[in-house]
């Protein structure tokens, strides 16, 4: 893969992401407690090894580090500013006990700027959906999405929705089913995602 990226002549158009959402304490998945101290040290060695391997081919190819729900600031001091890395952080609200479709947009405006870290490295929202834990509303999806788009582009280097097509129709709290809040395709069809950001909370 590294050789293929190098062969395109556009090294900065790609990132190598060697691991996604690592966890060695599964009962605490999706939280900082999901990684033990020994697990963190293993990850550090793994990331360092990946950086070295990439540099042997072409150090202009960036590596993206998924933060293992530790936060960007946790990892930032562990790398030199010259390291060609960016960070991928995931922020979800479907399991947050206090999250409703009415308070999440406001929460995004507070949480995302902090999640951007210290500015040492680029940060990207690598996964998210527009489902909250409680009182999901179909009409609220556009505000939720537009706020995500606005804050991630304002404070970070962009965002990536969970999936283009999502077909699971499990029940959720509020209106609709799971796919209404996790399928990019369906949200476009429903008018919840439009070309212009017109309904951001910010």
C-alpha atoms as a PDB file:
ATOM      1  CA  UNK A   1       0.000   0.000   0.000  1.00  0.00           C
ATOM      2  CA  UNK A   2       2.791   2.424   0.868  1.00  0.00           C
ATOM      3  CA  UNK A   3       4.451   1.832  -2.486  1.00  0.00           C
ATOM      4  CA  UNK A   4       1.130   2.371  -4.261  1.00  0.00           C
ATOM      5  CA  UNK A   5       0.568   5.690  -2.462  1.00  0.00           C
ATOM      6  CA  UNK A   6       4.089   6.761  -3.331  1.00  0.00           C
ATOM      7  CA  UNK A   7       3.460   5.819  -6.943  1.00  0.00           C
ATOM      8  CA  UNK A   8       0.492   8.179  -7.208  1.00  0.00           C
ATOM      9  CA  UNK A   9       2.767  11.155  -6.655  1.00  0.00           C
ATOM     10  CA  UNK A  10       0.213  12.623  -4.220  1.00  0.00           C
ATOM     11  CA  UNK A  11       1.480  11.479  -0.844  1.00  0.00           C
ATOM     12  CA  UNK A  12      -0.365  14.115   1.178  1.00  0.00           C
ATOM     13  CA  UNK A  13      -3.706  13.044  -0.333  1.00  0.00           C
ATOM     14  CA  UNK A  14      -3.674   9.832   1.725  1.00  0.00           C
ATOM     15  CA  UNK A  15      -3.237   8.779   5.332  1.00  0.00           C
ATOM     16  CA  UNK A  16      -2.278   5.410   6.768  1.00  0.00           C
ATOM     17  CA  UNK A  17      -4.476   4.530   9.740  1.00  0.00           C
ATOM     18  CA  UNK A  18      -2.962   1.391  11.283  1.00  0.00           C
ATOM     19  CA  UNK A  19      -5.608   0.647  13.946  1.00  0.00           C
ATOM     20  CA  UNK A  20      -9.153   1.773  14.763  1.00  0.00           C
ATOM     21  CA  UNK A  21     -10.674   2.101  18.240  1.00  0.00           C
ATOM     22  CA  UNK A  22      -8.190  -0.166  20.035  1.00  0.00           C
ATOM     23  CA  UNK A  23      -9.275  -1.546  23.404  1.00  0.00           C
ATOM     24  CA  UNK A  24      -7.813  -3.998  25.899  1.00  0.00           C
ATOM     25  CA  UNK A  25     -10.505  -3.554  28.557  1.00  0.00           C
ATOM     26  CA  UNK A  26     -13.652  -4.381  26.536  1.00  0.00           C
ATOM     27  CA  UNK A  27     -16.091  -3.685  29.371  1.00  0.00           C
ATOM     28  CA  UNK A  28     -15.087  -0.017  29.168  1.00  0.00           C
ATOM     29  CA  UNK A  29     -15.086   0.272  25.377  1.00  0.00           C
ATOM     30  CA  UNK A  30     -15.581   3.770  23.929  1.00  0.00           C
ATOM     31  CA  UNK A  31     -14.134   5.450  27.005  1.00  0.00           C
ATOM     32  CA  UNK A  32     -10.647   6.327  28.203  1.00  0.00           C
ATOM     33  CA  UNK A  33     -10.848   3.386  30.620  1.00  0.00           C
ATOM     34  CA  UNK A  34     -10.956   1.028  27.637  1.00  0.00           C
ATOM     35  CA  UNK A  35      -7.158   1.111  27.479  1.00  0.00           C
ATOM     36  CA  UNK A  36      -5.028  -0.053  30.401  1.00  0.00           C
ATOM     37  CA  UNK A  37      -1.614   1.545  31.080  1.00  0.00           C
ATOM     38  CA  UNK A  38       0.121  -1.474  29.577  1.00  0.00           C
ATOM     39  CA  UNK A  39      -2.173  -1.253  26.568  1.00  0.00           C
ATOM     40  CA  UNK A  40      -1.258   2.400  26.096  1.00  0.00           C
ATOM     41  CA  UNK A  41       2.438   1.554  26.144  1.00  0.00           C
ATOM     42  CA  UNK A  42       1.880  -1.206  23.590  1.00  0.00           C
ATOM     43  CA  UNK A  43       0.034   1.254  21.351  1.00  0.00           C
ATOM     44  CA  UNK A  44       2.847   3.770  21.678  1.00  0.00           C
ATOM     45  CA  UNK A  45       5.393   1.200  20.517  1.00  0.00           C
ATOM     46  CA  UNK A  46       3.087   0.165  17.687  1.00  0.00           C
ATOM     47  CA  UNK A  47       2.563   3.752  16.515  1.00  0.00           C
ATOM     48  CA  UNK A  48       6.296   4.452  16.685  1.00  0.00           C
ATOM     49  CA  UNK A  49       6.970   1.324  14.651  1.00  0.00           C
ATOM     50  CA  UNK A  50       4.391   2.299  12.042  1.00  0.00           C
ATOM     51  CA  UNK A  51       5.897   5.771  11.732  1.00  0.00           C
ATOM     52  CA  UNK A  52       9.328   4.255  11.223  1.00  0.00           C
ATOM     53  CA  UNK A  53       8.029   1.803   8.617  1.00  0.00           C
ATOM     54  CA  UNK A  54       6.245   4.557   6.683  1.00  0.00           C
ATOM     55  CA  UNK A  55       9.323   6.798   6.773  1.00  0.00           C
ATOM     56  CA  UNK A  56      11.421   4.005   5.278  1.00  0.00           C
ATOM     57  CA  UNK A  57       9.232   4.219   2.176  1.00  0.00           C
ATOM     58  CA  UNK A  58       8.412   7.940   2.110  1.00  0.00           C
ATOM     59  CA  UNK A  59       8.114  10.163   5.168  1.00  0.00           C
ATOM     60  CA  UNK A  60       5.800  12.497   3.252  1.00  0.00           C
ATOM     61  CA  UNK A  61       2.979   9.938   3.663  1.00  0.00           C
ATOM     62  CA  UNK A  62       0.961  10.956   6.755  1.00  0.00           C
ATOM     63  CA  UNK A  63      -0.131   8.520   9.440  1.00  0.00           C
ATOM     64  CA  UNK A  64      -3.486   8.954  11.178  1.00  0.00           C
ATOM     65  CA  UNK A  65      -3.748   7.898  14.816  1.00  0.00           C
ATOM     66  CA  UNK A  66      -7.145   6.981  16.223  1.00  0.00           C
ATOM     67  CA  UNK A  67      -6.973   8.289  19.775  1.00  0.00           C
ATOM     68  CA  UNK A  68      -8.495   5.211  21.482  1.00  0.00           C
ATOM     69  CA  UNK A  69     -10.918   7.562  23.273  1.00  0.00           C
ATOM     70  CA  UNK A  70      -8.030   9.061  25.238  1.00  0.00           C
ATOM     71  CA  UNK A  71      -8.329  12.433  23.554  1.00  0.00           C
ATOM     72  CA  UNK A  72      -5.845  14.176  21.294  1.00  0.00           C
ATOM     73  CA  UNK A  73      -4.187  16.080  24.143  1.00  0.00           C
ATOM     74  CA  UNK A  74      -3.277  12.780  25.812  1.00  0.00           C
ATOM     75  CA  UNK A  75      -1.234  11.664  22.801  1.00  0.00           C
ATOM     76  CA  UNK A  76       0.123  14.975  21.562  1.00  0.00           C
ATOM     77  CA  UNK A  77       3.026  15.216  23.993  1.00  0.00           C
ATOM     78  CA  UNK A  78       4.122  11.692  23.084  1.00  0.00           C
ATOM     79  CA  UNK A  79       5.120  12.718  19.562  1.00  0.00           C
ATOM     80  CA  UNK A  80       7.507  15.262  18.104  1.00  0.00           C
ATOM     81  CA  UNK A  81       5.993  18.140  16.173  1.00  0.00           C
ATOM     82  CA  UNK A  82       8.006  17.027  13.146  1.00  0.00           C
ATOM     83  CA  UNK A  83       6.215  13.646  13.068  1.00  0.00           C
ATOM     84  CA  UNK A  84       3.942  13.481  10.034  1.00  0.00           C
ATOM     85  CA  UNK A  85       0.766  12.491  11.850  1.00  0.00           C
ATOM     86  CA  UNK A  86      -2.827  13.573  12.235  1.00  0.00           C
ATOM     87  CA  UNK A  87      -5.352  12.439  14.819  1.00  0.00           C
ATOM     88  CA  UNK A  88      -8.713  10.790  14.359  1.00  0.00           C
ATOM     89  CA  UNK A  89     -11.145  11.265  17.233  1.00  0.00           C
ATOM     90  CA  UNK A  90     -14.641   9.777  17.532  1.00  0.00           C
ATOM     91  CA  UNK A  91     -17.458  11.540  19.368  1.00  0.00           C
ATOM     92  CA  UNK A  92     -20.812   9.798  19.725  1.00  0.00           C
ATOM     93  CA  UNK A  93     -23.933  10.647  21.712  1.00  0.00           C
ATOM     94  CA  UNK A  94     -26.089   7.536  21.282  1.00  0.00           C
ATOM     95  CA  UNK A  95     -24.817   6.098  24.579  1.00  0.00           C
ATOM     96  CA  UNK A  96     -24.480   9.353  26.507  1.00  0.00           C
ATOM     97  CA  UNK A  97     -27.007   9.155  29.373  1.00  0.00           C
ATOM     98  CA  UNK A  98     -27.715  12.893  29.215  1.00  0.00           C
ATOM     99  CA  UNK A  99     -27.902  13.330  25.433  1.00  0.00           C
ATOM    100  CA  UNK A 100     -31.134  14.338  23.700  1.00  0.00           C
ATOM    101  CA  UNK A 101     -31.698  15.686  20.210  1.00  0.00           C
ATOM    102  CA  UNK A 102     -32.345  19.060  21.841  1.00  0.00           C
ATOM    103  CA  UNK A 103     -29.147  19.476  23.872  1.00  0.00           C
ATOM    104  CA  UNK A 104     -26.562  17.703  21.700  1.00  0.00           C
ATOM    105  CA  UNK A 105     -26.018  20.583  19.222  1.00  0.00           C
ATOM    106  CA  UNK A 106     -25.159  22.883  22.116  1.00  0.00           C
ATOM    107  CA  UNK A 107     -22.912  20.168  23.554  1.00  0.00           C
ATOM    108  CA  UNK A 108     -21.071  19.877  20.247  1.00  0.00           C
ATOM    109  CA  UNK A 109     -20.247  23.561  20.299  1.00  0.00           C
ATOM    110  CA  UNK A 110     -18.606  23.072  23.697  1.00  0.00           C
ATOM    111  CA  UNK A 111     -16.984  19.666  23.197  1.00  0.00           C
ATOM    112  CA  UNK A 112     -15.508  19.791  19.704  1.00  0.00           C
ATOM    113  CA  UNK A 113     -13.228  22.835  20.213  1.00  0.00           C
ATOM    114  CA  UNK A 114     -11.753  21.125  23.292  1.00  0.00           C
ATOM    115  CA  UNK A 115     -11.356  17.853  21.392  1.00  0.00           C
ATOM    116  CA  UNK A 116      -9.203  19.640  18.809  1.00  0.00           C
ATOM    117  CA  UNK A 117      -6.292  19.438  21.244  1.00  0.00           C
ATOM    118  CA  UNK A 118      -3.395  21.847  21.548  1.00  0.00           C
ATOM    119  CA  UNK A 119      -3.017  22.675  17.851  1.00  0.00           C
ATOM    120  CA  UNK A 120       0.211  20.711  17.496  1.00  0.00           C
ATOM    121  CA  UNK A 121      -1.281  18.238  15.005  1.00  0.00           C
ATOM    122  CA  UNK A 122      -4.242  18.203  12.604  1.00  0.00           C
ATOM    123  CA  UNK A 123      -7.381  16.575  14.033  1.00  0.00           C
ATOM    124  CA  UNK A 124     -10.189  14.901  12.098  1.00  0.00           C
ATOM    125  CA  UNK A 125     -13.557  13.562  13.261  1.00  0.00           C
ATOM    126  CA  UNK A 126     -13.293  10.063  11.828  1.00  0.00           C
ATOM    127  CA  UNK A 127     -16.712   8.738  12.871  1.00  0.00           C
ATOM    128  CA  UNK A 128     -20.016  10.122  14.089  1.00  0.00           C
ATOM    129  CA  UNK A 129     -23.753   9.763  13.692  1.00  0.00           C
ATOM    130  CA  UNK A 130     -26.720  11.983  14.542  1.00  0.00           C
ATOM    131  CA  UNK A 131     -28.344   9.656  17.060  1.00  0.00           C
ATOM    132  CA  UNK A 132     -28.653  10.771  20.655  1.00  0.00           C
ATOM    133  CA  UNK A 133     -29.558   8.575  23.595  1.00  0.00           C
ATOM    134  CA  UNK A 134     -32.995  10.102  24.138  1.00  0.00           C
ATOM    135  CA  UNK A 135     -35.817  11.899  22.302  1.00  0.00           C
ATOM    136  CA  UNK A 136     -34.480  11.533  18.767  1.00  0.00           C
ATOM    137  CA  UNK A 137     -36.481  13.563  16.246  1.00  0.00           C
ATOM    138  CA  UNK A 138     -36.374  13.269  12.479  1.00  0.00           C
ATOM    139  CA  UNK A 139     -36.708  17.029  12.114  1.00  0.00           C
ATOM    140  CA  UNK A 140     -33.737  17.568  14.423  1.00  0.00           C
ATOM    141  CA  UNK A 141     -31.301  15.624  12.254  1.00  0.00           C
ATOM    142  CA  UNK A 142     -30.440  18.587  10.025  1.00  0.00           C
ATOM    143  CA  UNK A 143     -29.552  20.817  12.976  1.00  0.00           C
ATOM    144  CA  UNK A 144     -27.485  17.984  14.444  1.00  0.00           C
ATOM    145  CA  UNK A 145     -25.660  17.333  11.145  1.00  0.00           C
ATOM    146  CA  UNK A 146     -25.157  20.983  10.213  1.00  0.00           C
ATOM    147  CA  UNK A 147     -23.755  21.722  13.660  1.00  0.00           C
ATOM    148  CA  UNK A 148     -21.360  18.791  13.315  1.00  0.00           C
ATOM    149  CA  UNK A 149     -20.247  20.057   9.918  1.00  0.00           C
ATOM    150  CA  UNK A 150     -19.830  23.630  11.108  1.00  0.00           C
ATOM    151  CA  UNK A 151     -17.837  22.945  14.275  1.00  0.00           C
ATOM    152  CA  UNK A 152     -15.611  20.254  12.757  1.00  0.00           C
ATOM    153  CA  UNK A 153     -14.686  22.489   9.827  1.00  0.00           C
ATOM    154  CA  UNK A 154     -14.211  25.505  12.102  1.00  0.00           C
ATOM    155  CA  UNK A 155     -12.054  23.865  14.777  1.00  0.00           C
ATOM    156  CA  UNK A 156     -10.646  20.759  13.085  1.00  0.00           C
ATOM    157  CA  UNK A 157      -9.674  19.494   9.650  1.00  0.00           C
ATOM    158  CA  UNK A 158     -13.067  18.058   8.795  1.00  0.00           C
ATOM    159  CA  UNK A 159     -15.232  15.047   9.497  1.00  0.00           C
ATOM    160  CA  UNK A 160     -16.415  11.709   8.160  1.00  0.00           C
ATOM    161  CA  UNK A 161     -19.919  10.368   8.798  1.00  0.00           C
ATOM    162  CA  UNK A 162     -20.174   6.751   9.952  1.00  0.00           C
ATOM    163  CA  UNK A 163     -21.492   5.249   6.720  1.00  0.00           C
ATOM    164  CA  UNK A 164     -23.059   5.977   3.363  1.00  0.00           C
ATOM    165  CA  UNK A 165     -25.522   3.095   3.602  1.00  0.00           C
ATOM    166  CA  UNK A 166     -26.885   1.735   6.868  1.00  0.00           C
ATOM    167  CA  UNK A 167     -29.918  -0.552   6.792  1.00  0.00           C
ATOM    168  CA  UNK A 168     -30.478  -1.686  10.377  1.00  0.00           C
ATOM    169  CA  UNK A 169     -33.977  -0.729  11.544  1.00  0.00           C
ATOM    170  CA  UNK A 170     -33.632  -1.258  15.287  1.00  0.00           C
ATOM    171  CA  UNK A 171     -35.908   0.766  17.520  1.00  0.00           C
ATOM    172  CA  UNK A 172     -34.494   3.846  19.217  1.00  0.00           C
ATOM    173  CA  UNK A 173     -35.849   6.354  21.685  1.00  0.00           C
ATOM    174  CA  UNK A 174     -37.937   8.862  19.771  1.00  0.00           C
ATOM    175  CA  UNK A 175     -38.858   8.947  16.093  1.00  0.00           C
ATOM    176  CA  UNK A 176     -37.742   6.638  13.306  1.00  0.00           C
ATOM    177  CA  UNK A 177     -35.321   3.735  13.459  1.00  0.00           C
ATOM    178  CA  UNK A 178     -31.561   3.360  13.689  1.00  0.00           C
ATOM    179  CA  UNK A 179     -30.930   3.768   9.966  1.00  0.00           C
ATOM    180  CA  UNK A 180     -32.560   7.202   9.939  1.00  0.00           C
ATOM    181  CA  UNK A 181     -29.679   8.498  12.075  1.00  0.00           C
ATOM    182  CA  UNK A 182     -26.767   6.430  10.735  1.00  0.00           C
ATOM    183  CA  UNK A 183     -27.339   6.321   6.953  1.00  0.00           C
ATOM    184  CA  UNK A 184     -25.889   9.251   5.016  1.00  0.00           C
ATOM    185  CA  UNK A 185     -27.813   8.163   1.927  1.00  0.00           C
ATOM    186  CA  UNK A 186     -31.170   8.189   3.708  1.00  0.00           C
ATOM    187  CA  UNK A 187     -30.471  11.546   5.308  1.00  0.00           C
ATOM    188  CA  UNK A 188     -29.765  13.080   1.898  1.00  0.00           C
ATOM    189  CA  UNK A 189     -32.991  11.600   0.544  1.00  0.00           C
ATOM    190  CA  UNK A 190     -34.882  13.032   3.525  1.00  0.00           C
ATOM    191  CA  UNK A 191     -33.354  16.501   3.142  1.00  0.00           C
ATOM    192  CA  UNK A 192     -31.504  16.273   6.456  1.00  0.00           C
ATOM    193  CA  UNK A 193     -28.169  16.661   4.632  1.00  0.00           C
ATOM    194  CA  UNK A 194     -27.929  19.432   2.060  1.00  0.00           C
ATOM    195  CA  UNK A 195     -25.089  21.055   0.161  1.00  0.00           C
ATOM    196  CA  UNK A 196     -25.280  24.192   2.262  1.00  0.00           C
ATOM    197  CA  UNK A 197     -24.966  24.415   6.037  1.00  0.00           C
ATOM    198  CA  UNK A 198     -28.189  26.272   6.808  1.00  0.00           C
ATOM    199  CA  UNK A 199     -29.327  25.019  10.200  1.00  0.00           C
ATOM    200  CA  UNK A 200     -26.238  24.949  12.403  1.00  0.00           C
ATOM    201  CA  UNK A 201     -26.806  25.615  16.089  1.00  0.00           C
ATOM    202  CA  UNK A 202     -23.673  27.787  16.242  1.00  0.00           C
END
